[in-house]
Amino acid sequence: MKLPRAELATVLEEKVTRYLLNAAHSAGGGKASFFLRFGFSVADWRRMAEALRQHARENEVAEVEETRYGKRYVVEGPLAAPDGTSLNVRSAWYIDAVGDAPRFVTAHPLQKV
């Protein structure tokens, strides 16, 4: 199954610049080190956002969690990095009960299989 309405997926600038690509962030620092190593950058945060949206459109949902506020979807598979590397990544997306567009929550590397 693919992420529902993946073509509408949103990735906020703050989520990328202040969290996912922020090496000083207490929770996102390790993720930032990983993604920065493959050519992603805060200055070109839109490239990361588009790579995440593409990841959501092209890969399969590995897990769905129903909450009282909506559904959380976990997507796993390759993510294209600026340096040409194909990264094995897990991303999480949330669709609110009253919304229809998936919004980006987080992403992190998976071990290659």
PDB file of N, CA and C in Angstrom:
ATOM      1  N   MET A   1       0.844  -1.175   0.000  1.00  0.00           N
ATOM      2  CA  MET A   1       0.000   0.000   0.000  1.00  0.00           C
ATOM      3  C   MET A   1       0.888   1.236   0.000  1.00  0.00           C
ATOM      4  N   LYS A   2       0.479   2.220  -0.741  1.00  0.00           N
ATOM      5  CA  LYS A   2       1.186   3.505  -0.785  1.00  0.00           C
ATOM      6  C   LYS A   2       0.546   4.469   0.225  1.00  0.00           C
ATOM      7  N   LEU A   3       1.279   5.514   0.574  1.00  0.00           N
ATOM      8  CA  LEU A   3       0.767   6.542   1.477  1.00  0.00           C
ATOM      9  C   LEU A   3      -0.440   7.205   0.826  1.00  0.00           C
ATOM     10  N   PRO A   4      -1.591   7.211   1.493  1.00  0.00           N
ATOM     11  CA  PRO A   4      -2.770   7.861   0.909  1.00  0.00           C
ATOM     12  C   PRO A   4      -2.513   9.341   0.625  1.00  0.00           C
ATOM     13  N   ARG A   5      -2.951   9.777  -0.522  1.00  0.00           N
ATOM     14  CA  ARG A   5      -2.854  11.188  -0.948  1.00  0.00           C
ATOM     15  C   ARG A   5      -1.422  11.729  -0.840  1.00  0.00           C
ATOM     16  N   ALA A   6      -0.467  10.882  -1.173  1.00  0.00           N
ATOM     17  CA  ALA A   6       0.950  11.265  -1.081  1.00  0.00           C
ATOM     18  C   ALA A   6       1.263  12.492  -1.941  1.00  0.00           C
ATOM     19  N   GLU A   7       0.513  12.695  -3.009  1.00  0.00           N
ATOM     20  CA  GLU A   7       0.749  13.865  -3.869  1.00  0.00           C
ATOM     21  C   GLU A   7       0.459  15.176  -3.140  1.00  0.00           C
ATOM     22  N   LEU A   8      -0.238  15.112  -2.011  1.00  0.00           N
ATOM     23  CA  LEU A   8      -0.561  16.305  -1.211  1.00  0.00           C
ATOM     24  C   LEU A   8       0.364  16.465  -0.007  1.00  0.00           C
ATOM     25  N   ALA A   9       1.326  15.575   0.152  1.00  0.00           N
ATOM     26  CA  ALA A   9       2.189  15.553   1.342  1.00  0.00           C
ATOM     27  C   ALA A   9       2.912  16.885   1.553  1.00  0.00           C
ATOM     28  N   THR A  10       2.963  17.307   2.805  1.00  0.00           N
ATOM     29  CA  THR A  10       3.628  18.558   3.160  1.00  0.00           C
ATOM     30  C   THR A  10       4.825  18.286   4.064  1.00  0.00           C
ATOM     31  N   VAL A  11       5.875  19.073   3.830  1.00  0.00           N
ATOM     32  CA  VAL A  11       7.083  19.016   4.651  1.00  0.00           C
ATOM     33  C   VAL A  11       7.404  20.460   5.018  1.00  0.00           C
ATOM     34  N   LEU A  12       7.262  20.810   6.284  1.00  0.00           N
ATOM     35  CA  LEU A  12       7.493  22.183   6.718  1.00  0.00           C
ATOM     36  C   LEU A  12       8.975  22.530   6.766  1.00  0.00           C
ATOM     37  N   GLU A  13       9.297  23.751   6.397  1.00  0.00           N
ATOM     38  CA  GLU A  13      10.682  24.234   6.423  1.00  0.00           C
ATOM     39  C   GLU A  13      11.303  24.041   7.802  1.00  0.00           C
ATOM     40  N   GLU A  14      10.569  24.399   8.848  1.00  0.00           N
ATOM     41  CA  GLU A  14      11.095  24.299  10.215  1.00  0.00           C
ATOM     42  C   GLU A  14      11.438  22.857  10.579  1.00  0.00           C
ATOM     43  N   LYS A  15      10.657  21.907  10.089  1.00  0.00           N
ATOM     44  CA  LYS A  15      10.897  20.501  10.403  1.00  0.00           C
ATOM     45  C   LYS A  15      12.227  20.040   9.800  1.00  0.00           C
ATOM     46  N   VAL A  16      12.568  20.586   8.643  1.00  0.00           N
ATOM     47  CA  VAL A  16      13.817  20.229   7.978  1.00  0.00           C
ATOM     48  C   VAL A  16      14.986  21.020   8.565  1.00  0.00           C
ATOM     49  N   THR A  17      14.847  22.342   8.643  1.00  0.00           N
ATOM     50  CA  THR A  17      15.980  23.194   9.032  1.00  0.00           C
ATOM     51  C   THR A  17      16.275  23.178  10.526  1.00  0.00           C
ATOM     52  N   ARG A  18      15.262  23.097  11.356  1.00  0.00           N
ATOM     53  CA  ARG A  18      15.470  23.157  12.807  1.00  0.00           C
ATOM     54  C   ARG A  18      15.561  21.793  13.477  1.00  0.00           C
ATOM     55  N   TYR A  19      15.236  20.743  12.717  1.00  0.00           N
ATOM     56  CA  TYR A  19      15.217  19.406  13.315  1.00  0.00           C
ATOM     57  C   TYR A  19      16.039  18.413  12.490  1.00  0.00           C
ATOM     58  N   LEU A  20      15.550  18.065  11.312  1.00  0.00           N
ATOM     59  CA  LEU A  20      16.146  16.964  10.561  1.00  0.00           C
ATOM     60  C   LEU A  20      17.572  17.245  10.083  1.00  0.00           C
ATOM     61  N   LEU A  21      17.887  18.495   9.745  1.00  0.00           N
ATOM     62  CA  LEU A  21      19.236  18.838   9.286  1.00  0.00           C
ATOM     63  C   LEU A  21      19.986  19.714  10.281  1.00  0.00           C
ATOM     64  N   ASN A  22      19.551  19.702  11.534  1.00  0.00           N
ATOM     65  CA  ASN A  22      20.180  20.497  12.579  1.00  0.00           C
ATOM     66  C   ASN A  22      21.070  19.591  13.440  1.00  0.00           C
ATOM     67  N   ALA A  23      22.371  19.614  13.181  1.00  0.00           N
ATOM     68  CA  ALA A  23      23.309  18.747  13.897  1.00  0.00           C
ATOM     69  C   ALA A  23      23.354  19.039  15.395  1.00  0.00           C
ATOM     70  N   ALA A  24      22.917  20.230  15.816  1.00  0.00           N
ATOM     71  CA  ALA A  24      22.931  20.590  17.229  1.00  0.00           C
ATOM     72  C   ALA A  24      21.645  20.192  17.955  1.00  0.00           C
ATOM     73  N   HIS A  25      20.648  19.698  17.234  1.00  0.00           N
ATOM     74  CA  HIS A  25      19.369  19.337  17.857  1.00  0.00           C
ATOM     75  C   HIS A  25      19.540  18.083  18.716  1.00  0.00           C
ATOM     76  N   SER A  26      18.976  18.097  19.924  1.00  0.00           N
ATOM     77  CA  SER A  26      19.162  16.987  20.857  1.00  0.00           C
ATOM     78  C   SER A  26      18.589  15.672  20.328  1.00  0.00           C
ATOM     79  N   ALA A  27      17.482  15.719  19.617  1.00  0.00           N
ATOM     80  CA  ALA A  27      16.890  14.487  19.088  1.00  0.00           C
ATOM     81  C   ALA A  27      17.245  14.256  17.621  1.00  0.00           C
ATOM     82  N   GLY A  28      17.480  15.311  16.883  1.00  0.00           N
ATOM     83  CA  GLY A  28      17.722  15.176  15.450  1.00  0.00           C
ATOM     84  C   GLY A  28      19.176  15.223  15.031  1.00  0.00           C
ATOM     85  N   GLY A  29      20.084  15.438  15.960  1.00  0.00           N
ATOM     86  CA  GLY A  29      21.496  15.600  15.623  1.00  0.00           C
ATOM     87  C   GLY A  29      22.104  14.430  14.870  1.00  0.00           C
ATOM     88  N   GLY A  30      21.816  13.221  15.306  1.00  0.00           N
ATOM     89  CA  GLY A  30      22.347  12.041  14.631  1.00  0.00           C
ATOM     90  C   GLY A  30      21.784  11.887  13.233  1.00  0.00           C
ATOM     91  N   LYS A  31      20.504  12.186  13.092  1.00  0.00           N
ATOM     92  CA  LYS A  31      19.863  12.133  11.773  1.00  0.00           C
ATOM     93  C   LYS A  31      20.499  13.174  10.856  1.00  0.00           C
ATOM     94  N   ALA A  32      20.720  14.358  11.407  1.00  0.00           N
ATOM     95  CA  ALA A  32      21.314  15.440  10.620  1.00  0.00           C
ATOM     96  C   ALA A  32      22.694  15.038  10.122  1.00  0.00           C
ATOM     97  N   SER A  33      23.515  14.475  10.977  1.00  0.00           N
ATOM     98  CA  SER A  33      24.856  14.047  10.576  1.00  0.00           C
ATOM     99  C   SER A  33      24.783  13.073   9.408  1.00  0.00           C
ATOM    100  N   PHE A  34      23.844  12.155   9.466  1.00  0.00           N
ATOM    101  CA  PHE A  34      23.669  11.184   8.401  1.00  0.00           C
ATOM    102  C   PHE A  34      23.275  11.873   7.093  1.00  0.00           C
ATOM    103  N   PHE A  35      22.208  12.653   7.101  1.00  0.00           N
ATOM    104  CA  PHE A  35      21.714  13.270   5.869  1.00  0.00           C
ATOM    105  C   PHE A  35      22.691  14.306   5.299  1.00  0.00           C
ATOM    106  N   LEU A  36      23.346  15.069   6.156  1.00  0.00           N
ATOM    107  CA  LEU A  36      24.318  16.072   5.694  1.00  0.00           C
ATOM    108  C   LEU A  36      25.496  15.407   4.985  1.00  0.00           C
ATOM    109  N   ARG A  37      25.871  14.228   5.413  1.00  0.00           N
ATOM    110  CA  ARG A  37      26.997  13.498   4.828  1.00  0.00           C
ATOM    111  C   ARG A  37      26.768  13.151   3.350  1.00  0.00           C
ATOM    112  N   PHE A  38      25.497  13.093   2.932  1.00  0.00           N
ATOM    113  CA  PHE A  38      25.171  12.701   1.562  1.00  0.00           C
ATOM    114  C   PHE A  38      24.729  13.879   0.694  1.00  0.00           C
ATOM    115  N   GLY A  39      25.035  15.101   1.148  1.00  0.00           N
ATOM    116  CA  GLY A  39      24.822  16.269   0.301  1.00  0.00           C
ATOM    117  C   GLY A  39      23.605  17.123   0.601  1.00  0.00           C
ATOM    118  N   PHE A  40      22.770  16.717   1.540  1.00  0.00           N
ATOM    119  CA  PHE A  40      21.651  17.581   1.923  1.00  0.00           C
ATOM    120  C   PHE A  40      22.201  18.746   2.730  1.00  0.00           C
ATOM    121  N   SER A  41      21.520  19.898   2.699  1.00  0.00           N
ATOM    122  CA  SER A  41      21.993  21.059   3.457  1.00  0.00           C
ATOM    123  C   SER A  41      20.820  21.914   3.904  1.00  0.00           C
ATOM    124  N   VAL A  42      21.032  22.645   4.982  1.00  0.00           N
ATOM    125  CA  VAL A  42      20.021  23.574   5.477  1.00  0.00           C
ATOM    126  C   VAL A  42      19.766  24.665   4.446  1.00  0.00           C
ATOM    127  N   ALA A  43      20.817  25.154   3.802  1.00  0.00           N
ATOM    128  CA  ALA A  43      20.677  26.227   2.808  1.00  0.00           C
ATOM    129  C   ALA A  43      19.763  25.809   1.664  1.00  0.00           C
ATOM    130  N   ASP A  44      19.777  24.517   1.315  1.00  0.00           N
ATOM    131  CA  ASP A  44      18.940  24.008   0.235  1.00  0.00           C
ATOM    132  C   ASP A  44      17.918  23.033   0.809  1.00  0.00           C
ATOM    133  N   TRP A  45      17.218  23.465   1.852  1.00  0.00           N
ATOM    134  CA  TRP A  45      16.289  22.603   2.571  1.00  0.00           C
ATOM    135  C   TRP A  45      15.170  22.066   1.682  1.00  0.00           C
ATOM    136  N   ARG A  46      14.816  22.821   0.641  1.00  0.00           N
ATOM    137  CA  ARG A  46      13.739  22.376  -0.254  1.00  0.00           C
ATOM    138  C   ARG A  46      14.096  21.062  -0.951  1.00  0.00           C
ATOM    139  N   ARG A  47      15.371  20.857  -1.199  1.00  0.00           N
ATOM    140  CA  ARG A  47      15.820  19.609  -1.826  1.00  0.00           C
ATOM    141  C   ARG A  47      15.530  18.417  -0.913  1.00  0.00           C
ATOM    142  N   MET A  48      15.756  18.592   0.380  1.00  0.00           N
ATOM    143  CA  MET A  48      15.445  17.540   1.346  1.00  0.00           C
ATOM    144  C   MET A  48      13.935  17.316   1.390  1.00  0.00           C
ATOM    145  N   ALA A  49      13.170  18.399   1.417  1.00  0.00           N
ATOM    146  CA  ALA A  49      11.713  18.300   1.467  1.00  0.00           C
ATOM    147  C   ALA A  49      11.180  17.549   0.247  1.00  0.00           C
ATOM    148  N   GLU A  50      11.700  17.864  -0.932  1.00  0.00           N
ATOM    149  CA  GLU A  50      11.239  17.185  -2.142  1.00  0.00           C
ATOM    150  C   GLU A  50      11.664  15.720  -2.147  1.00  0.00           C
ATOM    151  N   ALA A  51      12.859  15.416  -1.664  1.00  0.00           N
ATOM    152  CA  ALA A  51      13.305  14.022  -1.576  1.00  0.00           C
ATOM    153  C   ALA A  51      12.388  13.223  -0.649  1.00  0.00           C
ATOM    154  N   LEU A  52      11.961  13.836   0.440  1.00  0.00           N
ATOM    155  CA  LEU A  52      11.048  13.178   1.373  1.00  0.00           C
ATOM    156  C   LEU A  52       9.676  12.956   0.741  1.00  0.00           C
ATOM    157  N   ARG A  53       9.172  13.957   0.016  1.00  0.00           N
ATOM    158  CA  ARG A  53       7.884  13.797  -0.663  1.00  0.00           C
ATOM    159  C   ARG A  53       7.970  12.687  -1.722  1.00  0.00           C
ATOM    160  N   GLN A  54       9.075  12.654  -2.452  1.00  0.00           N
ATOM    161  CA  GLN A  54       9.268  11.610  -3.455  1.00  0.00           C
ATOM    162  C   GLN A  54       9.339  10.233  -2.781  1.00  0.00           C
ATOM    163  N   HIS A  55      10.039  10.170  -1.675  1.00  0.00           N
ATOM    164  CA  HIS A  55      10.130   8.935  -0.884  1.00  0.00           C
ATOM    165  C   HIS A  55       8.730   8.457  -0.497  1.00  0.00           C
ATOM    166  N   ALA A  56       7.893   9.375  -0.062  1.00  0.00           N
ATOM    167  CA  ALA A  56       6.529   9.031   0.352  1.00  0.00           C
ATOM    168  C   ALA A  56       5.684   8.556  -0.830  1.00  0.00           C
ATOM    169  N   ARG A  57       5.876   9.159  -1.992  1.00  0.00           N
ATOM    170  CA  ARG A  57       5.094   8.779  -3.181  1.00  0.00           C
ATOM    171  C   ARG A  57       5.508   7.429  -3.749  1.00  0.00           C
ATOM    172  N   GLU A  58       6.805   7.120  -3.684  1.00  0.00           N
ATOM    173  CA  GLU A  58       7.330   5.971  -4.416  1.00  0.00           C
ATOM    174  C   GLU A  58       7.467   4.686  -3.610  1.00  0.00           C
ATOM    175  N   ASN A  59       7.464   4.771  -2.297  1.00  0.00           N
ATOM    176  CA  ASN A  59       7.705   3.590  -1.465  1.00  0.00           C
ATOM    177  C   ASN A  59       6.437   3.120  -0.763  1.00  0.00           C
ATOM    178  N   GLU A  60       6.526   1.913  -0.264  1.00  0.00           N
ATOM    179  CA  GLU A  60       5.380   1.275   0.385  1.00  0.00           C
ATOM    180  C   GLU A  60       5.273   1.659   1.869  1.00  0.00           C
ATOM    181  N   VAL A  61       4.042   1.679   2.343  1.00  0.00           N
ATOM    182  CA  VAL A  61       3.773   1.877   3.769  1.00  0.00           C
ATOM    183  C   VAL A  61       4.112   0.563   4.475  1.00  0.00           C
ATOM    184  N   ALA A  62       4.936   0.649   5.506  1.00  0.00           N
ATOM    185  CA  ALA A  62       5.350  -0.531   6.263  1.00  0.00           C
ATOM    186  C   ALA A  62       4.513  -0.726   7.525  1.00  0.00           C
ATOM    187  N   GLU A  63       3.882   0.358   7.975  1.00  0.00           N
ATOM    188  CA  GLU A  63       3.136   0.294   9.242  1.00  0.00           C
ATOM    189  C   GLU A  63       2.120   1.429   9.279  1.00  0.00           C
ATOM    190  N   VAL A  64       0.948   1.144   9.866  1.00  0.00           N
ATOM    191  CA  VAL A  64      -0.082   2.162  10.075  1.00  0.00           C
ATOM    192  C   VAL A  64      -0.514   2.073  11.526  1.00  0.00           C
ATOM    193  N   GLU A  65      -0.583   3.221  12.179  1.00  0.00           N
ATOM    194  CA  GLU A  65      -1.044   3.269  13.563  1.00  0.00           C
ATOM    195  C   GLU A  65      -2.244   4.210  13.653  1.00  0.00           C
ATOM    196  N   GLU A  66      -3.337   3.693  14.139  1.00  0.00           N
ATOM    197  CA  GLU A  66      -4.557   4.484  14.321  1.00  0.00           C
ATOM    198  C   GLU A  66      -4.485   5.162  15.694  1.00  0.00           C
ATOM    199  N   THR A  67      -4.731   6.469  15.720  1.00  0.00           N
ATOM    200  CA  THR A  67      -4.805   7.199  16.986  1.00  0.00           C
ATOM    201  C   THR A  67      -6.150   7.916  17.037  1.00  0.00           C
ATOM    202  N   ARG A  68      -6.469   8.478  18.135  1.00  0.00           N
ATOM    203  CA  ARG A  68      -7.753   9.186  18.203  1.00  0.00           C
ATOM    204  C   ARG A  68      -7.731  10.480  17.402  1.00  0.00           C
ATOM    205  N   TYR A  69      -6.561  10.927  17.010  1.00  0.00           N
ATOM    206  CA  TYR A  69      -6.441  12.160  16.249  1.00  0.00           C
ATOM    207  C   TYR A  69      -6.265  11.929  14.748  1.00  0.00           C
ATOM    208  N   GLY A  70      -6.004  10.685  14.357  1.00  0.00           N
ATOM    209  CA  GLY A  70      -5.772  10.384  12.956  1.00  0.00           C
ATOM    210  C   GLY A  70      -4.912   9.146  12.812  1.00  0.00           C
ATOM    211  N   LYS A  71      -4.186   9.046  11.693  1.00  0.00           N
ATOM    212  CA  LYS A  71      -3.348   7.878  11.438  1.00  0.00           C
ATOM    213  C   LYS A  71      -1.904   8.283  11.188  1.00  0.00           C
ATOM    214  N   ARG A  72      -1.012   7.466  11.734  1.00  0.00           N
ATOM    215  CA  ARG A  72       0.419   7.641  11.492  1.00  0.00           C
ATOM    216  C   ARG A  72       0.852   6.534  10.538  1.00  0.00           C
ATOM    217  N   TYR A  73       1.552   6.947   9.479  1.00  0.00           N
ATOM    218  CA  TYR A  73       2.028   6.022   8.458  1.00  0.00           C
ATOM    219  C   TYR A  73       3.553   5.999   8.464  1.00  0.00           C
ATOM    220  N   VAL A  74       4.114   4.809   8.387  1.00  0.00           N
ATOM    221  CA  VAL A  74       5.556   4.639   8.293  1.00  0.00           C
ATOM    222  C   VAL A  74       5.860   4.125   6.888  1.00  0.00           C
ATOM    223  N   VAL A  75       6.742   4.834   6.191  1.00  0.00           N
ATOM    224  CA  VAL A  75       7.130   4.480   4.828  1.00  0.00           C
ATOM    225  C   VAL A  75       8.605   4.098   4.852  1.00  0.00           C
ATOM    226  N   GLU A  76       8.941   2.982   4.201  1.00  0.00           N
ATOM    227  CA  GLU A  76      10.329   2.536   4.165  1.00  0.00           C
ATOM    228  C   GLU A  76      10.772   2.290   2.733  1.00  0.00           C
ATOM    229  N   GLY A  77      12.021   2.668   2.444  1.00  0.00           N
ATOM    230  CA  GLY A  77      12.571   2.413   1.126  1.00  0.00           C
ATOM    231  C   GLY A  77      13.648   3.411   0.767  1.00  0.00           C
ATOM    232  N   PRO A  78      14.072   3.385  -0.501  1.00  0.00           N
ATOM    233  CA  PRO A  78      15.159   4.258  -0.937  1.00  0.00           C
ATOM    234  C   PRO A  78      14.759   5.728  -1.009  1.00  0.00           C
ATOM    235  N   LEU A  79      15.704   6.575  -0.671  1.00  0.00           N
ATOM    236  CA  LEU A  79      15.566   8.027  -0.774  1.00  0.00           C
ATOM    237  C   LEU A  79      16.799   8.519  -1.528  1.00  0.00           C
ATOM    238  N   ALA A  80      16.570   9.282  -2.591  1.00  0.00           N
ATOM    239  CA  ALA A  80      17.670   9.766  -3.427  1.00  0.00           C
ATOM    240  C   ALA A  80      18.365  10.954  -2.769  1.00  0.00           C
ATOM    241  N   ALA A  81      19.671  10.832  -2.565  1.00  0.00           N
ATOM    242  CA  ALA A  81      20.468  11.911  -1.974  1.00  0.00           C
ATOM    243  C   ALA A  81      21.104  12.755  -3.081  1.00  0.00           C
ATOM    244  N   PRO A  82      21.434  14.007  -2.765  1.00  0.00           N
ATOM    245  CA  PRO A  82      22.046  14.891  -3.767  1.00  0.00           C
ATOM    246  C   PRO A  82      23.348  14.364  -4.367  1.00  0.00           C
ATOM    247  N   ASP A  83      24.093  13.566  -3.610  1.00  0.00           N
ATOM    248  CA  ASP A  83      25.366  13.052  -4.137  1.00  0.00           C
ATOM    249  C   ASP A  83      25.188  11.805  -5.004  1.00  0.00           C
ATOM    250  N   GLY A  84      23.931  11.414  -5.231  1.00  0.00           N
ATOM    251  CA  GLY A  84      23.645  10.261  -6.070  1.00  0.00           C
ATOM    252  C   GLY A  84      23.458   8.963  -5.314  1.00  0.00           C
ATOM    253  N   THR A  85      23.694   8.975  -4.017  1.00  0.00           N
ATOM    254  CA  THR A  85      23.531   7.779  -3.197  1.00  0.00           C
ATOM    255  C   THR A  85      22.057   7.489  -2.983  1.00  0.00           C
ATOM    256  N   SER A  86      21.712   6.220  -2.994  1.00  0.00           N
ATOM    257  CA  SER A  86      20.360   5.788  -2.650  1.00  0.00           C
ATOM    258  C   SER A  86      20.381   5.359  -1.188  1.00  0.00           C
ATOM    259  N   LEU A  87      19.714   6.122  -0.345  1.00  0.00           N
ATOM    260  CA  LEU A  87      19.711   5.872   1.097  1.00  0.00           C
ATOM    261  C   LEU A  87      18.504   5.025   1.478  1.00  0.00           C
ATOM    262  N   ASN A  88      18.695   4.076   2.366  1.00  0.00           N
ATOM    263  CA  ASN A  88      17.591   3.272   2.884  1.00  0.00           C
ATOM    264  C   ASN A  88      17.028   4.005   4.102  1.00  0.00           C
ATOM    265  N   VAL A  89      15.796   4.498   3.977  1.00  0.00           N
ATOM    266  CA  VAL A  89      15.240   5.421   4.971  1.00  0.00           C
ATOM    267  C   VAL A  89      13.838   4.999   5.395  1.00  0.00           C
ATOM    268  N   ARG A  90      13.532   5.290   6.650  1.00  0.00           N
ATOM    269  CA  ARG A  90      12.168   5.176   7.180  1.00  0.00           C
ATOM    270  C   ARG A  90      11.680   6.590   7.451  1.00  0.00           C
ATOM    271  N   SER A  91      10.502   6.915   6.926  1.00  0.00           N
ATOM    272  CA  SER A  91       9.901   8.218   7.215  1.00  0.00           C
ATOM    273  C   SER A  91       8.537   8.004   7.855  1.00  0.00           C
ATOM    274  N   ALA A  92       8.120   8.960   8.644  1.00  0.00           N
ATOM    275  CA  ALA A  92       6.817   8.891   9.298  1.00  0.00           C
ATOM    276  C   ALA A  92       5.986  10.090   8.868  1.00  0.00           C
ATOM    277  N   TRP A  93       4.714   9.822   8.622  1.00  0.00           N
ATOM    278  CA  TRP A  93       3.758  10.822   8.140  1.00  0.00           C
ATOM    279  C   TRP A  93       2.486  10.691   8.950  1.00  0.00           C
ATOM    280  N   TYR A  94       1.796  11.797   9.121  1.00  0.00           N
ATOM    281  CA  TYR A  94       0.565  11.801   9.910  1.00  0.00           C
ATOM    282  C   TYR A  94      -0.551  12.417   9.084  1.00  0.00           C
ATOM    283  N   ILE A  95      -1.707  11.770   9.090  1.00  0.00           N
ATOM    284  CA  ILE A  95      -2.904  12.340   8.476  1.00  0.00           C
ATOM    285  C   ILE A  95      -3.928  12.536   9.579  1.00  0.00           C
ATOM    286  N   ASP A  96      -4.249  13.792   9.853  1.00  0.00           N
ATOM    287  CA  ASP A  96      -5.216  14.120  10.897  1.00  0.00           C
ATOM    288  C   ASP A  96      -6.593  13.567  10.547  1.00  0.00           C
ATOM    289  N   ALA A  97      -7.376  13.257  11.573  1.00  0.00           N
ATOM    290  CA  ALA A  97      -8.721  12.716  11.369  1.00  0.00           C
ATOM    291  C   ALA A  97      -9.584  13.663  10.539  1.00  0.00           C
ATOM    292  N   VAL A  98      -9.359  14.958  10.665  1.00  0.00           N
ATOM    293  CA  VAL A  98     -10.163  15.932   9.918  1.00  0.00           C
ATOM    294  C   VAL A  98      -9.422  16.473   8.699  1.00  0.00           C
ATOM    295  N   GLY A  99      -8.221  15.958   8.438  1.00  0.00           N
ATOM    296  CA  GLY A  99      -7.428  16.439   7.316  1.00  0.00           C
ATOM    297  C   GLY A  99      -7.326  15.393   6.233  1.00  0.00           C
ATOM    298  N   ASP A 100      -6.679  15.776   5.152  1.00  0.00           N
ATOM    299  CA  ASP A 100      -6.488  14.798   4.092  1.00  0.00           C
ATOM    300  C   ASP A 100      -5.052  14.757   3.577  1.00  0.00           C
ATOM    301  N   ALA A 101      -4.244  15.751   3.908  1.00  0.00           N
ATOM    302  CA  ALA A 101      -2.865  15.801   3.417  1.00  0.00           C
ATOM    303  C   ALA A 101      -1.918  15.203   4.450  1.00  0.00           C
ATOM    304  N   PRO A 102      -1.095  14.258   4.037  1.00  0.00           N
ATOM    305  CA  PRO A 102      -0.092  13.736   4.963  1.00  0.00           C
ATOM    306  C   PRO A 102       0.925  14.820   5.300  1.00  0.00           C
ATOM    307  N   ARG A 103       1.299  14.886   6.564  1.00  0.00           N
ATOM    308  CA  ARG A 103       2.334  15.836   6.953  1.00  0.00           C
ATOM    309  C   ARG A 103       3.516  15.061   7.517  1.00  0.00           C
ATOM    310  N   PHE A 104       4.695  15.529   7.160  1.00  0.00           N
ATOM    311  CA  PHE A 104       5.929  14.875   7.549  1.00  0.00           C
ATOM    312  C   PHE A 104       6.148  14.999   9.048  1.00  0.00           C
ATOM    313  N   VAL A 105       6.581  13.897   9.668  1.00  0.00           N
ATOM    314  CA  VAL A 105       6.883  13.877  11.096  1.00  0.00           C
ATOM    315  C   VAL A 105       8.383  13.720  11.323  1.00  0.00           C
ATOM    316  N   THR A 106       8.984  12.669  10.770  1.00  0.00           N
ATOM    317  CA  THR A 106      10.405  12.427  10.963  1.00  0.00           C
ATOM    318  C   THR A 106      10.922  11.433   9.929  1.00  0.00           C
ATOM    319  N   ALA A 107      12.230  11.299   9.877  1.00  0.00           N
ATOM    320  CA  ALA A 107      12.874  10.308   9.019  1.00  0.00           C
ATOM    321  C   ALA A 107      14.199   9.913   9.659  1.00  0.00           C
ATOM    322  N   HIS A 108      14.622   8.700   9.404  1.00  0.00           N
ATOM    323  CA  HIS A 108      15.935   8.264   9.879  1.00  0.00           C
ATOM    324  C   HIS A 108      16.421   7.114   9.009  1.00  0.00           C
ATOM    325  N   PRO A 109      17.725   6.882   9.024  1.00  0.00           N
ATOM    326  CA  PRO A 109      18.284   5.818   8.198  1.00  0.00           C
ATOM    327  C   PRO A 109      17.925   4.426   8.715  1.00  0.00           C
ATOM    328  N   LEU A 110      17.812   3.508   7.776  1.00  0.00           N
ATOM    329  CA  LEU A 110      17.651   2.086   8.099  1.00  0.00           C
ATOM    330  C   LEU A 110      18.917   1.366   7.635  1.00  0.00           C
ATOM    331  N   GLN A 111      19.206   0.236   8.232  1.00  0.00           N
ATOM    332  CA  GLN A 111      20.349  -0.545   7.770  1.00  0.00           C
ATOM    333  C   GLN A 111      20.031  -1.103   6.395  1.00  0.00           C
ATOM    334  N   LYS A 112      21.028  -1.146   5.549  1.00  0.00           N
ATOM    335  CA  LYS A 112      20.850  -1.749   4.217  1.00  0.00           C
ATOM    336  C   LYS A 112      20.656  -3.247   4.375  1.00  0.00           C
ATOM    337  N   VAL A 113      19.810  -3.791   3.512  1.00  0.00           N
ATOM    338  CA  VAL A 113      19.586  -5.243   3.527  1.00  0.00           C
ATOM    339  C   VAL A 113      20.118  -5.871   2.263  1.00  0.00           C
TER     340      VAL A 113
END
